């Protein structure tokens, strides 16, 4: 199989990086994402996991992928896939506004980029939250990490996180 790549971007900030799909480690997840591209939505910066940005999307796979290539300790450049129910993301502690696009969906897909070290996928309400590592950034991570830090400090409103085929 030929290597496949995606562009991950913060469009308002004009920053992008390139990631290689990990077809050998997460083939079902990679196919699901690849077949649904382009994908994107409002970006959020993690509260619990630390150095993570993500978008919450409607389901797009015919069946949700199994937990292949799981981690609870993502490293810089990891792209992760999570699935949540509406009630898992519905508590006030998450801080999603009432108008958030994922409200009212029974299942929500979280596509995330981890941009720095020392991440731990544990949630105060639910415990461990393993994610599927489906891609790895191969180009542009330092610039993306700088933009992610700006997003953390300056705010995410009006910014989108997007995934496109390269």
Protein backbone atom coordinates (compact mmCIF):
# COMPACT_ATOMS: atom_id res chain seq x y z
CA UNK A 1 0.00 0.00 0.00
CA UNK A 2 1.14 3.52 -0.78
CA UNK A 3 1.67 5.91 2.11
CA UNK A 4 -1.21 8.31 2.68
CA UNK A 5 -0.91 11.80 4.13
CA UNK A 6 -3.28 14.41 5.55
CA UNK A 7 -2.90 18.12 6.08
CA UNK A 8 -3.96 19.34 9.51
CA UNK A 9 -4.64 23.07 9.68
CA UNK A 10 -5.73 25.94 11.84
CA UNK A 11 -7.11 28.00 8.99
CA UNK A 12 -7.58 31.41 10.66
CA UNK A 13 -4.01 31.29 11.96
CA UNK A 14 -2.76 30.10 8.55
CA UNK A 15 -0.80 27.18 10.03
CA UNK A 16 -0.65 23.63 8.74
CA UNK A 17 1.28 20.45 9.23
CA UNK A 18 1.42 17.14 7.38
CA UNK A 19 0.76 13.76 8.97
CA UNK A 20 1.29 10.23 7.71
CA UNK A 21 -1.57 7.81 8.23
CA UNK A 22 -0.58 4.78 10.30
CA UNK A 23 -2.26 2.25 8.00
CA UNK A 24 -0.12 -0.58 9.37
CA UNK A 25 -1.24 0.04 12.97
CA UNK A 26 -4.80 1.38 12.67
CA UNK A 27 -6.08 0.31 9.24
CA UNK A 28 -9.80 0.46 10.02
CA UNK A 29 -9.57 3.93 11.59
CA UNK A 30 -7.34 5.23 8.80
CA UNK A 31 -9.80 4.03 6.15
CA UNK A 32 -12.73 5.57 8.03
CA UNK A 33 -11.02 8.96 8.28
CA UNK A 34 -9.56 8.89 4.75
CA UNK A 35 -12.91 8.04 3.17
CA UNK A 36 -14.61 10.92 5.03
CA UNK A 37 -12.06 13.66 4.26
CA UNK A 38 -12.20 16.62 4.25
CA UNK A 39 -13.29 16.98 7.89
CA UNK A 40 -13.21 19.92 10.23
CA UNK A 41 -14.96 22.03 12.78
CA UNK A 42 -14.59 24.43 15.67
CA UNK A 43 -11.31 23.82 17.49
CA UNK A 44 -11.05 23.27 21.23
CA UNK A 45 -7.98 23.12 23.42
CA UNK A 46 -7.95 20.30 25.98
CA UNK A 47 -8.56 20.97 29.66
CA UNK A 48 -7.57 17.56 31.00
CA UNK A 49 -5.23 15.89 28.49
CA UNK A 50 -2.91 18.89 28.35
CA UNK A 51 -1.25 19.58 24.99
CA UNK A 52 -4.12 18.68 22.70
CA UNK A 53 -6.37 20.46 20.23
CA UNK A 54 -9.42 18.78 18.77
CA UNK A 55 -12.63 19.12 16.78
CA UNK A 56 -15.93 17.43 17.67
CA UNK A 57 -17.60 15.97 14.59
CA UNK A 58 -20.66 13.94 13.62
CA UNK A 59 -20.01 10.25 13.09
CA UNK A 60 -18.79 9.51 9.59
CA UNK A 61 -17.82 5.81 9.52
CA UNK A 62 -20.34 3.10 8.61
CA UNK A 63 -19.31 1.48 11.94
CA UNK A 64 -17.21 3.03 14.67
CA UNK A 65 -13.64 1.68 14.52
CA UNK A 66 -12.50 -0.76 17.19
CA UNK A 67 -9.88 0.37 19.69
CA UNK A 68 -6.86 -0.37 17.47
CA UNK A 69 -3.42 1.08 18.25
CA UNK A 70 -4.68 2.53 21.56
CA UNK A 71 -2.88 4.92 23.87
CA UNK A 72 -3.46 6.89 27.04
CA UNK A 73 -0.08 8.66 26.70
CA UNK A 74 0.01 10.32 23.26
CA UNK A 75 3.27 11.86 22.12
CA UNK A 76 3.89 15.04 20.12
CA UNK A 77 2.55 14.68 16.60
CA UNK A 78 0.02 11.93 17.36
CA UNK A 79 -3.38 12.20 15.69
CA UNK A 80 -6.00 10.43 17.78
CA UNK A 81 -9.60 9.33 17.25
CA UNK A 82 -12.10 9.17 20.10
CA UNK A 83 -15.81 8.41 20.23
CA UNK A 84 -18.08 9.84 22.93
CA UNK A 85 -21.79 9.80 23.65
CA UNK A 86 -23.71 13.04 24.08
CA UNK A 87 -24.04 12.40 27.81
CA UNK A 88 -20.28 11.89 28.24
CA UNK A 89 -19.69 15.40 26.92
CA UNK A 90 -22.81 16.92 28.44
CA UNK A 91 -21.64 17.87 31.93
CA UNK A 92 -21.04 21.54 32.74
CA UNK A 93 -17.46 20.81 33.75
CA UNK A 94 -16.45 20.54 30.09
CA UNK A 95 -17.46 24.12 29.42
CA UNK A 96 -19.06 23.61 26.01
CA UNK A 97 -21.47 26.39 25.24
CA UNK A 98 -25.15 25.60 24.72
CA UNK A 99 -24.78 26.32 20.98
CA UNK A 100 -21.84 23.92 20.49
CA UNK A 101 -22.24 22.02 17.24
CA UNK A 102 -22.04 18.59 18.85
CA UNK A 103 -25.02 19.17 21.17
CA UNK A 104 -27.88 16.77 20.52
CA UNK A 105 -25.84 14.13 18.68
CA UNK A 106 -26.03 10.68 20.23
CA UNK A 107 -22.43 9.94 19.18
CA UNK A 108 -19.61 12.44 18.75
CA UNK A 109 -16.24 11.83 17.08
CA UNK A 110 -13.25 13.70 18.46
CA UNK A 111 -10.30 14.08 16.08
CA UNK A 112 -7.30 15.37 18.01
CA UNK A 113 -3.73 16.55 17.48
CA UNK A 114 -1.24 16.31 20.34
CA UNK A 115 1.48 18.91 19.92
CA UNK A 116 3.75 18.58 22.96
CA UNK A 117 4.90 16.03 25.57
CA UNK A 118 3.48 14.91 28.92
CA UNK A 119 -0.09 14.09 27.94
CA UNK A 120 -2.23 11.73 29.98
CA UNK A 121 -5.68 10.71 28.82
CA UNK A 122 -7.52 10.59 32.11
CA UNK A 123 -10.81 12.30 32.81
CA UNK A 124 -12.03 13.26 36.26
CA UNK A 125 -15.56 12.08 35.49
CA UNK A 126 -14.83 8.89 33.56
CA UNK A 127 -11.28 7.70 34.29
CA UNK A 128 -8.97 6.50 31.52
CA UNK A 129 -9.91 7.59 28.00
CA UNK A 130 -7.89 5.59 25.47
CA UNK A 131 -7.62 7.01 21.99
CA UNK A 132 -6.78 5.41 18.65
CA UNK A 133 -3.51 6.73 17.21
CA UNK A 134 -4.17 6.87 13.47
CA UNK A 135 -1.60 9.39 12.23
CA UNK A 136 1.76 10.95 13.01
CA UNK A 137 2.91 14.45 12.04
CA UNK A 138 5.96 14.30 9.78
CA UNK A 139 6.29 17.97 8.82
CA UNK A 140 5.41 21.32 10.38
CA UNK A 141 4.91 20.31 14.02
CA UNK A 142 7.00 23.16 15.57
CA UNK A 143 4.93 25.81 13.78
CA UNK A 144 1.68 24.03 14.65
CA UNK A 145 2.75 23.72 18.31
CA UNK A 146 3.41 27.47 18.44
CA UNK A 147 -0.05 28.16 17.01
CA UNK A 148 -1.59 25.73 19.52
CA UNK A 149 0.06 27.60 22.38
CA UNK A 150 -1.36 30.84 20.97
CA UNK A 151 -4.77 29.18 20.79
CA UNK A 152 -4.43 28.19 24.47
CA UNK A 153 -3.43 31.70 25.56
CA UNK A 154 -5.41 33.89 23.13
CA UNK A 155 -8.51 31.74 22.68
CA UNK A 156 -10.07 29.41 20.17
CA UNK A 157 -13.20 31.34 19.19
CA UNK A 158 -13.50 31.66 15.43
CA UNK A 159 -10.76 29.11 14.73
CA UNK A 160 -11.27 25.77 13.00
CA UNK A 161 -9.30 22.54 12.96
CA UNK A 162 -9.34 20.88 9.56
CA UNK A 163 -8.14 17.61 8.07
CA UNK A 164 -7.64 17.27 4.29
CA UNK A 165 -6.00 14.80 1.95
CA UNK A 166 -2.55 15.71 0.67
